């Protein structure tokens, strides 16, 4: 069998470990960003729904006055 090159094997293991750390970090950052976007979206949706409900109440009151 061919002789094992321990230097190359060690380098491959180091590169694999660095790649894994990089991707883990990138995935965590991406996940955090998506969670922030979702939170901001949910807050904006609640704000818009609240404004919508206020407008509906105003229209109902106006309709009662007109009748």
C-alpha atoms as a PDB file:
ATOM      1  CA  UNK A   1       0.000   0.000   0.000  1.00  0.00           C
ATOM      2  CA  UNK A   2       1.160   3.571  -0.584  1.00  0.00           C
ATOM      3  CA  UNK A   3       2.700   5.371   2.345  1.00  0.00           C
ATOM      4  CA  UNK A   4       0.334   7.762   4.088  1.00  0.00           C
ATOM      5  CA  UNK A   5       1.323  11.395   3.913  1.00  0.00           C
ATOM      6  CA  UNK A   6       0.537  12.635   7.420  1.00  0.00           C
ATOM      7  CA  UNK A   7       1.196  16.258   6.513  1.00  0.00           C
ATOM      8  CA  UNK A   8      -1.488  16.195   3.798  1.00  0.00           C
ATOM      9  CA  UNK A   9      -3.916  14.321   6.039  1.00  0.00           C
ATOM     10  CA  UNK A  10      -3.399  16.855   8.809  1.00  0.00           C
ATOM     11  CA  UNK A  11      -3.899  19.760   6.418  1.00  0.00           C
ATOM     12  CA  UNK A  12      -7.101  18.233   5.050  1.00  0.00           C
ATOM     13  CA  UNK A  13      -8.428  17.761   8.580  1.00  0.00           C
ATOM     14  CA  UNK A  14      -7.534  21.372   9.453  1.00  0.00           C
ATOM     15  CA  UNK A  15      -9.178  22.678   6.269  1.00  0.00           C
ATOM     16  CA  UNK A  16     -12.297  20.619   6.938  1.00  0.00           C
ATOM     17  CA  UNK A  17     -12.457  21.935  10.486  1.00  0.00           C
ATOM     18  CA  UNK A  18     -12.004  25.546   9.325  1.00  0.00           C
ATOM     19  CA  UNK A  19     -14.643  25.100   6.623  1.00  0.00           C
ATOM     20  CA  UNK A  20     -17.080  23.648   9.146  1.00  0.00           C
ATOM     21  CA  UNK A  21     -16.454  26.530  11.561  1.00  0.00           C
ATOM     22  CA  UNK A  22     -16.908  29.053   8.751  1.00  0.00           C
ATOM     23  CA  UNK A  23     -20.160  27.494   7.572  1.00  0.00           C
ATOM     24  CA  UNK A  24     -21.471  27.108  11.124  1.00  0.00           C
ATOM     25  CA  UNK A  25     -20.751  30.789  11.720  1.00  0.00           C
ATOM     26  CA  UNK A  26     -22.289  31.826   8.391  1.00  0.00           C
ATOM     27  CA  UNK A  27     -25.405  29.743   9.025  1.00  0.00           C
ATOM     28  CA  UNK A  28     -25.793  31.192  12.527  1.00  0.00           C
ATOM     29  CA  UNK A  29     -25.458  34.740  11.163  1.00  0.00           C
ATOM     30  CA  UNK A  30     -27.968  34.005   8.392  1.00  0.00           C
ATOM     31  CA  UNK A  31     -30.396  32.476  10.916  1.00  0.00           C
ATOM     32  CA  UNK A  32     -30.075  35.536  13.175  1.00  0.00           C
ATOM     33  CA  UNK A  33     -30.716  37.874  10.257  1.00  0.00           C
ATOM     34  CA  UNK A  34     -33.786  35.906   9.156  1.00  0.00           C
ATOM     35  CA  UNK A  35     -35.147  35.917  12.710  1.00  0.00           C
ATOM     36  CA  UNK A  36     -34.670  39.705  12.893  1.00  0.00           C
ATOM     37  CA  UNK A  37     -36.463  40.163   9.564  1.00  0.00           C
ATOM     38  CA  UNK A  38     -39.321  37.945  10.756  1.00  0.00           C
ATOM     39  CA  UNK A  39     -39.604  39.864  14.044  1.00  0.00           C
ATOM     40  CA  UNK A  40     -39.606  43.225  12.223  1.00  0.00           C
ATOM     41  CA  UNK A  41     -42.206  41.911   9.759  1.00  0.00           C
ATOM     42  CA  UNK A  42     -44.464  40.657  12.568  1.00  0.00           C
ATOM     43  CA  UNK A  43     -44.222  44.004  14.392  1.00  0.00           C
ATOM     44  CA  UNK A  44     -45.046  45.925  11.215  1.00  0.00           C
ATOM     45  CA  UNK A  45     -47.961  43.583  10.493  1.00  0.00           C
ATOM     46  CA  UNK A  46     -49.386  44.208  13.991  1.00  0.00           C
ATOM     47  CA  UNK A  47     -48.983  47.964  13.530  1.00  0.00           C
ATOM     48  CA  UNK A  48     -50.763  47.881  10.164  1.00  0.00           C
ATOM     49  CA  UNK A  49     -53.575  45.708  11.546  1.00  0.00           C
ATOM     50  CA  UNK A  50     -54.036  48.125  14.444  1.00  0.00           C
ATOM     51  CA  UNK A  51     -54.258  51.095  12.059  1.00  0.00           C
ATOM     52  CA  UNK A  52     -56.706  49.151   9.880  1.00  0.00           C
ATOM     53  CA  UNK A  53     -58.952  48.372  12.865  1.00  0.00           C
ATOM     54  CA  UNK A  54     -58.930  52.057  13.881  1.00  0.00           C
ATOM     55  CA  UNK A  55     -59.935  53.069  10.343  1.00  0.00           C
ATOM     56  CA  UNK A  56     -62.766  50.520  10.331  1.00  0.00           C
ATOM     57  CA  UNK A  57     -64.063  51.909  13.642  1.00  0.00           C
ATOM     58  CA  UNK A  58     -63.920  55.455  12.243  1.00  0.00           C
ATOM     59  CA  UNK A  59     -65.866  54.385   9.142  1.00  0.00           C
ATOM     60  CA  UNK A  60     -68.494  52.625  11.301  1.00  0.00           C
ATOM     61  CA  UNK A  61     -68.932  55.737  13.465  1.00  0.00           C
ATOM     62  CA  UNK A  62     -69.207  57.908  10.363  1.00  0.00           C
ATOM     63  CA  UNK A  63     -71.792  55.562   8.883  1.00  0.00           C
ATOM     64  CA  UNK A  64     -73.898  55.735  12.073  1.00  0.00           C
ATOM     65  CA  UNK A  65     -73.809  59.539  11.958  1.00  0.00           C
ATOM     66  CA  UNK A  66     -74.969  59.532   8.312  1.00  0.00           C
ATOM     67  CA  UNK A  67     -77.948  57.268   9.021  1.00  0.00           C
END
